Each structure stands twice: as C-alpha cells, then as structure tokens.
Amino acid sequence: EGTQISTEIKIGGMSCQGCVKNIGGVLAALPGV
C-alpha cells in the first residue's frame, strides 16, 4: 500500500445535496481514492 495524502478541493456550481452525492460518487469511484 502507498501512503495516502489528503487534499481540499474548492468546488463551484453545487446547489443541492444531489450535487454533493454526485461529486462524492464520482470521487469515490476513482482508483486510489
């Protein structure tokens, strides 16, 4: 296993919890996240 790091990303264009779930799902599906 590699070393994990944390980063904060500023996101523009979110207007509701649906946006939050959409982005969370996109990120969670990426390898290494």
PDB file of all heavy atoms in Angstrom:
ATOM      1  N   GLU A   1       0.829  -1.196   0.000  1.00  0.00           N
ATOM      2  CA  GLU A   1       0.000   0.000   0.000  1.00  0.00           C
ATOM      3  C   GLU A   1       0.865   1.247   0.000  1.00  0.00           C
ATOM      4  O   GLU A   1       1.898   1.307   0.640  1.00  0.00           O
ATOM      5  CB  GLU A   1      -0.900   0.031   1.247  1.00  0.00           C
ATOM      6  CG  GLU A   1      -2.033  -0.966   1.186  1.00  0.00           C
ATOM      7  CD  GLU A   1      -2.999  -0.783   2.328  1.00  0.00           C
ATOM      8  OE1 GLU A   1      -3.209   0.359   2.742  1.00  0.00           O
ATOM      9  OE2 GLU A   1      -3.528  -1.783   2.819  1.00  0.00           O
ATOM     10  N   GLY A   2       0.419   2.247  -0.739  1.00  0.00           N
ATOM     11  CA  GLY A   2       1.121   3.511  -0.771  1.00  0.00           C
ATOM     12  C   GLY A   2       0.690   4.392   0.386  1.00  0.00           C
ATOM     13  O   GLY A   2      -0.203   4.047   1.145  1.00  0.00           O
ATOM     14  N   THR A   3       1.331   5.515   0.496  1.00  0.00           N
ATOM     15  CA  THR A   3       0.985   6.479   1.526  1.00  0.00           C
ATOM     16  C   THR A   3      -0.158   7.342   1.026  1.00  0.00           C
ATOM     17  O   THR A   3      -0.113   7.853  -0.084  1.00  0.00           O
ATOM     18  CB  THR A   3       2.197   7.366   1.845  1.00  0.00           C
ATOM     19  OG1 THR A   3       3.273   6.532   2.240  1.00  0.00           O
ATOM     20  CG2 THR A   3       1.883   8.338   2.948  1.00  0.00           C
ATOM     21  N   GLN A   4      -1.169   7.497   1.857  1.00  0.00           N
ATOM     22  CA  GLN A   4      -2.299   8.320   1.467  1.00  0.00           C
ATOM     23  C   GLN A   4      -2.084   9.755   1.932  1.00  0.00           C
ATOM     24  O   GLN A   4      -1.529   9.991   2.996  1.00  0.00           O
ATOM     25  CB  GLN A   4      -3.588   7.764   2.049  1.00  0.00           C
ATOM     26  CG  GLN A   4      -3.964   6.434   1.436  1.00  0.00           C
ATOM     27  CD  GLN A   4      -5.256   5.880   1.986  1.00  0.00           C
ATOM     28  OE1 GLN A   4      -5.782   6.387   2.958  1.00  0.00           O
ATOM     29  NE2 GLN A   4      -5.761   4.845   1.365  1.00  0.00           N
ATOM     30  N   ILE A   5      -2.538  10.685   1.097  1.00  0.00           N
ATOM     31  CA  ILE A   5      -2.493  12.092   1.470  1.00  0.00           C
ATOM     32  C   ILE A   5      -3.896  12.662   1.344  1.00  0.00           C
ATOM     33  O   ILE A   5      -4.759  12.097   0.688  1.00  0.00           O
ATOM     34  CB  ILE A   5      -1.499  12.894   0.599  1.00  0.00           C
ATOM     35  CG1 ILE A   5      -1.891  12.847  -0.875  1.00  0.00           C
ATOM     36  CG2 ILE A   5      -0.082  12.398   0.798  1.00  0.00           C
ATOM     37  CD1 ILE A   5      -1.058  13.764  -1.754  1.00  0.00           C
ATOM     38  N   SER A   6      -4.098  13.802   1.997  1.00  0.00           N
ATOM     39  CA  SER A   6      -5.403  14.443   1.969  1.00  0.00           C
ATOM     40  C   SER A   6      -5.271  15.805   1.307  1.00  0.00           C
ATOM     41  O   SER A   6      -4.251  16.493   1.473  1.00  0.00           O
ATOM     42  CB  SER A   6      -5.927  14.599   3.400  1.00  0.00           C
ATOM     43  OG  SER A   6      -7.212  15.181   3.380  1.00  0.00           O
ATOM     44  N   THR A   7      -6.287  16.187   0.548  1.00  0.00           N
ATOM     45  CA  THR A   7      -6.282  17.490  -0.093  1.00  0.00           C
ATOM     46  C   THR A   7      -7.677  18.084  -0.030  1.00  0.00           C
ATOM     47  O   THR A   7      -8.665  17.355   0.022  1.00  0.00           O
ATOM     48  CB  THR A   7      -5.813  17.389  -1.567  1.00  0.00           C
ATOM     49  OG1 THR A   7      -5.664  18.703  -2.096  1.00  0.00           O
ATOM     50  CG2 THR A   7      -6.792  16.620  -2.431  1.00  0.00           C
ATOM     51  N   GLU A   8      -7.736  19.403   0.012  1.00  0.00           N
ATOM     52  CA  GLU A   8      -9.024  20.092  -0.047  1.00  0.00           C
ATOM     53  C   GLU A   8      -9.174  20.694  -1.430  1.00  0.00           C
ATOM     54  O   GLU A   8      -8.264  21.357  -1.926  1.00  0.00           O
ATOM     55  CB  GLU A   8      -9.106  21.198   1.015  1.00  0.00           C
ATOM     56  CG  GLU A   8     -10.450  21.903   1.001  1.00  0.00           C
ATOM     57  CD  GLU A   8     -10.577  22.927   2.119  1.00  0.00           C
ATOM     58  OE1 GLU A   8     -10.972  22.540   3.234  1.00  0.00           O
ATOM     59  OE2 GLU A   8     -10.275  24.103   1.864  1.00  0.00           O
ATOM     60  N   ILE A   9     -10.314  20.451  -2.046  1.00  0.00           N
ATOM     61  CA  ILE A   9     -10.598  20.968  -3.378  1.00  0.00           C
ATOM     62  C   ILE A   9     -11.788  21.908  -3.281  1.00  0.00           C
ATOM     63  O   ILE A   9     -12.826  21.549  -2.709  1.00  0.00           O
ATOM     64  CB  ILE A   9     -10.924  19.817  -4.354  1.00  0.00           C
ATOM     65  CG1 ILE A   9      -9.725  18.870  -4.461  1.00  0.00           C
ATOM     66  CG2 ILE A   9     -11.329  20.361  -5.721  1.00  0.00           C
ATOM     67  CD1 ILE A   9     -10.011  17.594  -5.237  1.00  0.00           C
ATOM     68  N   LYS A  10     -11.633  23.115  -3.826  1.00  0.00           N
ATOM     69  CA  LYS A  10     -12.750  24.061  -3.871  1.00  0.00           C
ATOM     70  C   LYS A  10     -13.608  23.705  -5.076  1.00  0.00           C
ATOM     71  O   LYS A  10     -13.087  23.485  -6.169  1.00  0.00           O
ATOM     72  CB  LYS A  10     -12.245  25.490  -3.985  1.00  0.00           C
ATOM     73  CG  LYS A  10     -11.513  25.957  -2.752  1.00  0.00           C
ATOM     74  CD  LYS A  10     -11.060  27.395  -2.879  1.00  0.00           C
ATOM     75  CE  LYS A  10     -10.288  27.808  -1.644  1.00  0.00           C
ATOM     76  NZ  LYS A  10      -9.787  29.182  -1.750  1.00  0.00           N
ATOM     77  N   ILE A  11     -14.926  23.649  -4.861  1.00  0.00           N
ATOM     78  CA  ILE A  11     -15.849  23.248  -5.918  1.00  0.00           C
ATOM     79  C   ILE A  11     -16.884  24.341  -6.141  1.00  0.00           C
ATOM     80  O   ILE A  11     -17.491  24.836  -5.193  1.00  0.00           O
ATOM     81  CB  ILE A  11     -16.567  21.933  -5.550  1.00  0.00           C
ATOM     82  CG1 ILE A  11     -15.543  20.828  -5.298  1.00  0.00           C
ATOM     83  CG2 ILE A  11     -17.542  21.525  -6.653  1.00  0.00           C
ATOM     84  CD1 ILE A  11     -16.123  19.554  -4.766  1.00  0.00           C
ATOM     85  N   GLY A  12     -17.074  24.691  -7.402  1.00  0.00           N
ATOM     86  CA  GLY A  12     -18.080  25.684  -7.757  1.00  0.00           C
ATOM     87  C   GLY A  12     -19.217  25.031  -8.526  1.00  0.00           C
ATOM     88  O   GLY A  12     -19.002  24.052  -9.244  1.00  0.00           O
ATOM     89  N   GLY A  13     -20.431  25.558  -8.351  1.00  0.00           N
ATOM     90  CA  GLY A  13     -21.565  25.074  -9.117  1.00  0.00           C
ATOM     91  C   GLY A  13     -22.474  24.115  -8.371  1.00  0.00           C
ATOM     92  O   GLY A  13     -23.468  23.662  -8.922  1.00  0.00           O
ATOM     93  N   MET A  14     -22.152  23.801  -7.116  1.00  0.00           N
ATOM     94  CA  MET A  14     -23.025  22.915  -6.334  1.00  0.00           C
ATOM     95  C   MET A  14     -24.199  23.733  -5.803  1.00  0.00           C
ATOM     96  O   MET A  14     -24.014  24.828  -5.300  1.00  0.00           O
ATOM     97  CB  MET A  14     -22.278  22.300  -5.144  1.00  0.00           C
ATOM     98  CG  MET A  14     -21.228  21.303  -5.515  1.00  0.00           C
ATOM     99  SD  MET A  14     -20.631  20.357  -4.086  1.00  0.00           S
ATOM    100  CE  MET A  14     -19.928  21.623  -3.048  1.00  0.00           C
ATOM    101  N   SER A  15     -25.411  23.171  -5.916  1.00  0.00           N
ATOM    102  CA  SER A  15     -26.582  23.902  -5.444  1.00  0.00           C
ATOM    103  C   SER A  15     -27.471  23.089  -4.500  1.00  0.00           C
ATOM    104  O   SER A  15     -28.386  23.648  -3.909  1.00  0.00           O
ATOM    105  CB  SER A  15     -27.412  24.380  -6.638  1.00  0.00           C
ATOM    106  OG  SER A  15     -27.816  23.269  -7.421  1.00  0.00           O
ATOM    107  N   CYS A  16     -27.215  21.787  -4.377  1.00  0.00           N
ATOM    108  CA  CYS A  16     -28.090  20.956  -3.547  1.00  0.00           C
ATOM    109  C   CYS A  16     -27.360  19.691  -3.096  1.00  0.00           C
ATOM    110  O   CYS A  16     -26.247  19.423  -3.532  1.00  0.00           O
ATOM    111  CB  CYS A  16     -29.344  20.582  -4.328  1.00  0.00           C
ATOM    112  SG  CYS A  16     -28.994  19.552  -5.764  1.00  0.00           S
ATOM    113  N   GLN A  17     -28.036  18.910  -2.259  1.00  0.00           N
ATOM    114  CA  GLN A  17     -27.437  17.663  -1.773  1.00  0.00           C
ATOM    115  C   GLN A  17     -27.255  16.660  -2.905  1.00  0.00           C
ATOM    116  O   GLN A  17     -26.394  15.791  -2.839  1.00  0.00           O
ATOM    117  CB  GLN A  17     -28.288  17.057  -0.652  1.00  0.00           C
ATOM    118  CG  GLN A  17     -28.186  17.804   0.665  1.00  0.00           C
ATOM    119  CD  GLN A  17     -26.766  17.851   1.207  1.00  0.00           C
ATOM    120  OE1 GLN A  17     -26.027  16.870   1.156  1.00  0.00           O
ATOM    121  NE2 GLN A  17     -26.374  18.999   1.724  1.00  0.00           N
ATOM    122  N   GLY A  18     -28.045  16.775  -3.968  1.00  0.00           N
ATOM    123  CA  GLY A  18     -27.862  15.904  -5.119  1.00  0.00           C
ATOM    124  C   GLY A  18     -26.495  16.125  -5.759  1.00  0.00           C
ATOM    125  O   GLY A  18     -25.833  15.178  -6.186  1.00  0.00           O
ATOM    126  N   CYS A  19     -26.070  17.398  -5.803  1.00  0.00           N
ATOM    127  CA  CYS A  19     -24.738  17.725  -6.336  1.00  0.00           C
ATOM    128  C   CYS A  19     -23.657  17.088  -5.460  1.00  0.00           C
ATOM    129  O   CYS A  19     -22.674  16.540  -5.963  1.00  0.00           O
ATOM    130  CB  CYS A  19     -24.530  19.239  -6.370  1.00  0.00           C
ATOM    131  SG  CYS A  19     -25.651  20.130  -7.452  1.00  0.00           S
ATOM    132  N   VAL A  20     -23.860  17.189  -4.156  1.00  0.00           N
ATOM    133  CA  VAL A  20     -22.905  16.629  -3.197  1.00  0.00           C
ATOM    134  C   VAL A  20     -22.772  15.120  -3.411  1.00  0.00           C
ATOM    135  O   VAL A  20     -21.663  14.583  -3.478  1.00  0.00           O
ATOM    136  CB  VAL A  20     -23.350  16.934  -1.743  1.00  0.00           C
ATOM    137  CG1 VAL A  20     -22.527  16.155  -0.733  1.00  0.00           C
ATOM    138  CG2 VAL A  20     -23.255  18.431  -1.478  1.00  0.00           C
ATOM    139  N   LYS A  21     -23.904  14.434  -3.548  1.00  0.00           N
ATOM    140  CA  LYS A  21     -23.884  12.979  -3.751  1.00  0.00           C
ATOM    141  C   LYS A  21     -23.237  12.625  -5.087  1.00  0.00           C
ATOM    142  O   LYS A  21     -22.497  11.650  -5.191  1.00  0.00           O
ATOM    143  CB  LYS A  21     -25.304  12.416  -3.681  1.00  0.00           C
ATOM    144  CG  LYS A  21     -25.852  12.367  -2.276  1.00  0.00           C
ATOM    145  CD  LYS A  21     -27.215  11.709  -2.241  1.00  0.00           C
ATOM    146  CE  LYS A  21     -27.743  11.662  -0.820  1.00  0.00           C
ATOM    147  NZ  LYS A  21     -29.042  11.008  -0.733  1.00  0.00           N
ATOM    148  N   ASN A  22     -23.529  13.420  -6.113  1.00  0.00           N
ATOM    149  CA  ASN A  22     -22.961  13.192  -7.441  1.00  0.00           C
ATOM    150  C   ASN A  22     -21.433  13.273  -7.387  1.00  0.00           C
ATOM    151  O   ASN A  22     -20.736  12.357  -7.827  1.00  0.00           O
ATOM    152  CB  ASN A  22     -23.523  14.217  -8.428  1.00  0.00           C
ATOM    153  CG  ASN A  22     -23.076  13.984  -9.853  1.00  0.00           C
ATOM    154  OD1 ASN A  22     -22.387  13.031 -10.167  1.00  0.00           O
ATOM    155  ND2 ASN A  22     -23.469  14.893 -10.720  1.00  0.00           N
ATOM    156  N   ILE A  23     -20.917  14.350  -6.826  1.00  0.00           N
ATOM    157  CA  ILE A  23     -19.466  14.538  -6.749  1.00  0.00           C
ATOM    158  C   ILE A  23     -18.833  13.480  -5.850  1.00  0.00           C
ATOM    159  O   ILE A  23     -17.785  12.922  -6.175  1.00  0.00           O
ATOM    160  CB  ILE A  23     -19.130  15.956  -6.259  1.00  0.00           C
ATOM    161  CG1 ILE A  23     -19.579  16.985  -7.303  1.00  0.00           C
ATOM    162  CG2 ILE A  23     -17.636  16.095  -5.976  1.00  0.00           C
ATOM    163  CD1 ILE A  23     -19.543  18.416  -6.826  1.00  0.00           C
ATOM    164  N   GLY A  24     -19.461  13.203  -4.722  1.00  0.00           N
ATOM    165  CA  GLY A  24     -18.938  12.176  -3.822  1.00  0.00           C
ATOM    166  C   GLY A  24     -18.841  10.825  -4.507  1.00  0.00           C
ATOM    167  O   GLY A  24     -17.855  10.109  -4.353  1.00  0.00           O
ATOM    168  N   GLY A  25     -19.865  10.489  -5.301  1.00  0.00           N
ATOM    169  CA  GLY A  25     -19.863   9.218  -6.021  1.00  0.00           C
ATOM    170  C   GLY A  25     -18.793   9.158  -7.089  1.00  0.00           C
ATOM    171  O   GLY A  25     -18.120   8.139  -7.259  1.00  0.00           O
ATOM    172  N   VAL A  26     -18.621  10.267  -7.805  1.00  0.00           N
ATOM    173  CA  VAL A  26     -17.588  10.341  -8.844  1.00  0.00           C
ATOM    174  C   VAL A  26     -16.209  10.131  -8.230  1.00  0.00           C
ATOM    175  O   VAL A  26     -15.401   9.346  -8.721  1.00  0.00           O
ATOM    176  CB  VAL A  26     -17.657  11.706  -9.583  1.00  0.00           C
ATOM    177  CG1 VAL A  26     -16.406  11.954 -10.391  1.00  0.00           C
ATOM    178  CG2 VAL A  26     -18.881  11.747 -10.482  1.00  0.00           C
ATOM    179  N   LEU A  27     -15.938  10.838  -7.132  1.00  0.00           N
ATOM    180  CA  LEU A  27     -14.627  10.735  -6.484  1.00  0.00           C
ATOM    181  C   LEU A  27     -14.399   9.349  -5.882  1.00  0.00           C
ATOM    182  O   LEU A  27     -13.321   8.775  -6.033  1.00  0.00           O
ATOM    183  CB  LEU A  27     -14.478  11.816  -5.408  1.00  0.00           C
ATOM    184  CG  LEU A  27     -14.388  13.247  -5.929  1.00  0.00           C
ATOM    185  CD1 LEU A  27     -14.465  14.241  -4.779  1.00  0.00           C
ATOM    186  CD2 LEU A  27     -13.120  13.461  -6.735  1.00  0.00           C
ATOM    187  N   ALA A  28     -15.405   8.810  -5.215  1.00  0.00           N
ATOM    188  CA  ALA A  28     -15.268   7.504  -4.554  1.00  0.00           C
ATOM    189  C   ALA A  28     -14.994   6.390  -5.563  1.00  0.00           C
ATOM    190  O   ALA A  28     -14.361   5.391  -5.217  1.00  0.00           O
ATOM    191  CB  ALA A  28     -16.516   7.190  -3.740  1.00  0.00           C
ATOM    192  N   ALA A  29     -15.461   6.559  -6.805  1.00  0.00           N
ATOM    193  CA  ALA A  29     -15.283   5.525  -7.824  1.00  0.00           C
ATOM    194  C   ALA A  29     -13.894   5.533  -8.450  1.00  0.00           C
ATOM    195  O   ALA A  29     -13.520   4.597  -9.151  1.00  0.00           O
ATOM    196  CB  ALA A  29     -16.334   5.695  -8.915  1.00  0.00           C
ATOM    197  N   LEU A  30     -13.117   6.571  -8.180  1.00  0.00           N
ATOM    198  CA  LEU A  30     -11.793   6.676  -8.793  1.00  0.00           C
ATOM    199  C   LEU A  30     -10.793   5.745  -8.100  1.00  0.00           C
ATOM    200  O   LEU A  30     -10.814   5.613  -6.871  1.00  0.00           O
ATOM    201  CB  LEU A  30     -11.274   8.115  -8.704  1.00  0.00           C
ATOM    202  CG  LEU A  30     -12.063   9.156  -9.486  1.00  0.00           C
ATOM    203  CD1 LEU A  30     -11.557  10.559  -9.152  1.00  0.00           C
ATOM    204  CD2 LEU A  30     -11.955   8.901 -10.976  1.00  0.00           C
ATOM    205  N   PRO A  31      -9.909   5.105  -8.866  1.00  0.00           N
ATOM    206  CA  PRO A  31      -8.899   4.247  -8.252  1.00  0.00           C
ATOM    207  C   PRO A  31      -7.934   5.079  -7.407  1.00  0.00           C
ATOM    208  O   PRO A  31      -7.532   6.163  -7.816  1.00  0.00           O
ATOM    209  CB  PRO A  31      -8.186   3.619  -9.452  1.00  0.00           C
ATOM    210  CG  PRO A  31      -8.438   4.562 -10.586  1.00  0.00           C
ATOM    211  CD  PRO A  31      -9.776   5.184 -10.321  1.00  0.00           C
ATOM    212  N   GLY A  32      -7.650   4.594  -6.216  1.00  0.00           N
ATOM    213  CA  GLY A  32      -6.715   5.293  -5.345  1.00  0.00           C
ATOM    214  C   GLY A  32      -7.369   6.227  -4.343  1.00  0.00           C
ATOM    215  O   GLY A  32      -6.716   6.723  -3.438  1.00  0.00           O
ATOM    216  N   VAL A  33      -8.679   6.478  -4.492  1.00  0.00           N
ATOM    217  CA  VAL A  33      -9.375   7.362  -3.554  1.00  0.00           C
ATOM    218  C   VAL A  33      -9.883   6.534  -2.381  1.00  0.00           C
ATOM    219  O   VAL A  33     -10.658   5.596  -2.551  1.00  0.00           O
ATOM    220  CB  VAL A  33     -10.549   8.106  -4.236  1.00  0.00           C
ATOM    221  CG1 VAL A  33     -11.358   8.889  -3.208  1.00  0.00           C
ATOM    222  CG2 VAL A  33     -10.018   9.041  -5.317  1.00  0.00           C
TER     223      VAL A  33
END
